[in-house]
C-alpha atoms as a PDB file:
ATOM      1  CA  UNK A   1      -5.222 -13.221  30.295  1.00  0.00           C
ATOM      2  CA  UNK A   2      -2.313 -13.716  27.822  1.00  0.00           C
ATOM      3  CA  UNK A   3       1.362 -13.302  28.425  1.00  0.00           C
ATOM      4  CA  UNK A   4       2.470 -10.252  25.892  1.00  0.00           C
ATOM      5  CA  UNK A   5       5.732 -10.485  24.294  1.00  0.00           C
ATOM      6  CA  UNK A   6       7.962  -7.888  26.114  1.00  0.00           C
ATOM      7  CA  UNK A   7      10.130  -7.328  22.861  1.00  0.00           C
ATOM      8  CA  UNK A   8       8.447  -5.193  20.047  1.00  0.00           C
ATOM      9  CA  UNK A   9      10.177  -4.991  16.699  1.00  0.00           C
ATOM     10  CA  UNK A  10      11.753  -1.850  16.400  1.00  0.00           C
ATOM     11  CA  UNK A  11       9.877   0.136  13.854  1.00  0.00           C
ATOM     12  CA  UNK A  12       6.718  -0.906  15.822  1.00  0.00           C
ATOM     13  CA  UNK A  13       8.505   0.321  19.223  1.00  0.00           C
ATOM     14  CA  UNK A  14       9.738   3.925  17.725  1.00  0.00           C
ATOM     15  CA  UNK A  15       6.214   4.516  15.956  1.00  0.00           C
ATOM     16  CA  UNK A  16       4.342   3.867  19.580  1.00  0.00           C
ATOM     17  CA  UNK A  17       6.999   6.538  20.942  1.00  0.00           C
ATOM     18  CA  UNK A  18       6.189   8.718  18.191  1.00  0.00           C
ATOM     19  CA  UNK A  19       2.479   8.030  19.385  1.00  0.00           C
ATOM     20  CA  UNK A  20       3.016   9.269  22.623  1.00  0.00           C
ATOM     21  CA  UNK A  21       4.892  12.195  21.529  1.00  0.00           C
ATOM     22  CA  UNK A  22       1.960  13.350  19.098  1.00  0.00           C
ATOM     23  CA  UNK A  23      -0.820  12.327  22.144  1.00  0.00           C
ATOM     24  CA  UNK A  24       1.650  14.692  24.582  1.00  0.00           C
ATOM     25  CA  UNK A  25       1.758  17.571  22.217  1.00  0.00           C
ATOM     26  CA  UNK A  26      -2.100  17.449  21.610  1.00  0.00           C
ATOM     27  CA  UNK A  27      -3.157  16.991  25.598  1.00  0.00           C
ATOM     28  CA  UNK A  28      -4.215  20.396  25.995  1.00  0.00           C
ATOM     29  CA  UNK A  29      -7.034  19.631  23.505  1.00  0.00           C
ATOM     30  CA  UNK A  30      -8.584  17.817  26.063  1.00  0.00           C
ATOM     31  CA  UNK A  31      -9.131  13.777  26.138  1.00  0.00           C
ATOM     32  CA  UNK A  32     -10.630  11.550  24.277  1.00  0.00           C
ATOM     33  CA  UNK A  33     -12.612   9.813  26.804  1.00  0.00           C
ATOM     34  CA  UNK A  34     -15.308  11.685  26.456  1.00  0.00           C
ATOM     35  CA  UNK A  35     -15.618  11.177  22.852  1.00  0.00           C
ATOM     36  CA  UNK A  36     -18.222   8.857  21.434  1.00  0.00           C
ATOM     37  CA  UNK A  37     -16.801   6.006  19.057  1.00  0.00           C
ATOM     38  CA  UNK A  38     -18.781   7.771  16.516  1.00  0.00           C
ATOM     39  CA  UNK A  39     -17.175  11.110  16.735  1.00  0.00           C
ATOM     40  CA  UNK A  40     -13.551   8.721  17.633  1.00  0.00           C
ATOM     41  CA  UNK A  41     -14.578   7.201  13.865  1.00  0.00           C
ATOM     42  CA  UNK A  42     -15.234  10.335  12.256  1.00  0.00           C
ATOM     43  CA  UNK A  43     -12.163  11.721  13.916  1.00  0.00           C
ATOM     44  CA  UNK A  44     -10.128   8.850  12.370  1.00  0.00           C
ATOM     45  CA  UNK A  45     -11.895   9.308   9.078  1.00  0.00           C
ATOM     46  CA  UNK A  46     -10.500  13.656   8.984  1.00  0.00           C
ATOM     47  CA  UNK A  47      -6.938  11.952  10.174  1.00  0.00           C
ATOM     48  CA  UNK A  48      -6.956   9.666   6.803  1.00  0.00           C
ATOM     49  CA  UNK A  49      -7.880  12.026   4.626  1.00  0.00           C
ATOM     50  CA  UNK A  50      -4.732  14.174   6.100  1.00  0.00           C
ATOM     51  CA  UNK A  51      -2.279  11.822   6.078  1.00  0.00           C
ATOM     52  CA  UNK A  52      -3.643  11.324   2.605  1.00  0.00           C
ATOM     53  CA  UNK A  53      -2.823  14.605   1.708  1.00  0.00           C
ATOM     54  CA  UNK A  54       0.952  14.511   2.987  1.00  0.00           C
ATOM     55  CA  UNK A  55       1.620  11.164   1.540  1.00  0.00           C
ATOM     56  CA  UNK A  56       0.594  12.891  -1.628  1.00  0.00           C
ATOM     57  CA  UNK A  57       2.557  15.813  -1.671  1.00  0.00           C
ATOM     58  CA  UNK A  58       5.482  14.164  -0.287  1.00  0.00           C
ATOM     59  CA  UNK A  59       5.411  11.795  -2.957  1.00  0.00           C
ATOM     60  CA  UNK A  60       5.179  14.555  -5.451  1.00  0.00           C
ATOM     61  CA  UNK A  61       7.743  16.758  -4.183  1.00  0.00           C
ATOM     62  CA  UNK A  62       9.913  16.634  -7.442  1.00  0.00           C
ATOM     63  CA  UNK A  63       6.940  17.784  -9.483  1.00  0.00           C
ATOM     64  CA  UNK A  64       5.813  20.357  -6.776  1.00  0.00           C
ATOM     65  CA  UNK A  65       8.903  21.096  -4.300  1.00  0.00           C
ATOM     66  CA  UNK A  66       6.706  24.392  -2.597  1.00  0.00           C
ATOM     67  CA  UNK A  67       3.895  22.004  -1.876  1.00  0.00           C
ATOM     68  CA  UNK A  68       6.283  19.167   0.146  1.00  0.00           C
ATOM     69  CA  UNK A  69       5.055  19.067   3.709  1.00  0.00           C
ATOM     70  CA  UNK A  70       8.297  16.967   4.474  1.00  0.00           C
ATOM     71  CA  UNK A  71       8.443  13.947   5.980  1.00  0.00           C
ATOM     72  CA  UNK A  72       7.769  14.638   9.849  1.00  0.00           C
ATOM     73  CA  UNK A  73       4.259  15.628   8.590  1.00  0.00           C
ATOM     74  CA  UNK A  74       3.662  12.333   6.783  1.00  0.00           C
ATOM     75  CA  UNK A  75       4.796  10.457  10.185  1.00  0.00           C
ATOM     76  CA  UNK A  76       2.799  12.893  12.330  1.00  0.00           C
ATOM     77  CA  UNK A  77      -0.436  12.763  10.396  1.00  0.00           C
ATOM     78  CA  UNK A  78       0.191   8.608  10.412  1.00  0.00           C
ATOM     79  CA  UNK A  79       0.495   8.847  14.169  1.00  0.00           C
ATOM     80  CA  UNK A  80      -2.456  10.420  14.501  1.00  0.00           C
ATOM     81  CA  UNK A  81      -4.262   7.814  12.108  1.00  0.00           C
ATOM     82  CA  UNK A  82      -3.027   5.013  14.568  1.00  0.00           C
ATOM     83  CA  UNK A  83      -3.751   7.043  17.878  1.00  0.00           C
ATOM     84  CA  UNK A  84      -7.778   7.681  16.901  1.00  0.00           C
ATOM     85  CA  UNK A  85      -7.906   3.991  15.815  1.00  0.00           C
ATOM     86  CA  UNK A  86      -6.127   2.982  19.164  1.00  0.00           C
ATOM     87  CA  UNK A  87      -8.940   5.158  21.060  1.00  0.00           C
ATOM     88  CA  UNK A  88     -11.629   3.147  19.200  1.00  0.00           C
ATOM     89  CA  UNK A  89      -9.950  -0.408  20.396  1.00  0.00           C
ATOM     90  CA  UNK A  90      -9.929   0.643  23.556  1.00  0.00           C
ATOM     91  CA  UNK A  91     -13.218   2.280  24.249  1.00  0.00           C
ATOM     92  CA  UNK A  92     -14.671  -0.714  22.431  1.00  0.00           C
ATOM     93  CA  UNK A  93     -12.578  -3.015  24.484  1.00  0.00           C
ATOM     94  CA  UNK A  94     -13.328  -1.552  27.711  1.00  0.00           C
ATOM     95  CA  UNK A  95     -17.059  -1.164  27.627  1.00  0.00           C
ATOM     96  CA  UNK A  96     -17.271  -4.809  26.405  1.00  0.00           C
ATOM     97  CA  UNK A  97     -15.492  -5.679  29.574  1.00  0.00           C
ATOM     98  CA  UNK A  98     -12.231  -7.505  27.592  1.00  0.00           C
ATOM     99  CA  UNK A  99      -8.720  -6.609  27.950  1.00  0.00           C
ATOM    100  CA  UNK A 100      -6.964  -5.492  24.652  1.00  0.00           C
ATOM    101  CA  UNK A 101      -3.787  -8.042  25.549  1.00  0.00           C
ATOM    102  CA  UNK A 102      -6.386 -10.801  25.495  1.00  0.00           C
ATOM    103  CA  UNK A 103      -7.378  -9.938  21.908  1.00  0.00           C
ATOM    104  CA  UNK A 104      -6.171 -13.025  19.604  1.00  0.00           C
ATOM    105  CA  UNK A 105      -5.610 -11.776  15.895  1.00  0.00           C
END
């Protein structure tokens, strides 16, 4: 097992905290632990589309200010995307008998 760096980049730490807040807000929906990898991939795809839609609306807000979802919506959708990617990585690692801490980029 490798030793992980306890010091996260400030941006990564802030984003990870946002991910956790989004997960807690969605706890009522039930766990992702019962989803298959294929189902998680489908949800990841849906979340990427939502992030795309929110980002484009935010980026073109001067042309259509009434359609601006606000920067918070973009950030929340980005966290949703990251969470589903994390779910997939965790599931594949766990079922393959490896620890995420041991995966080297």
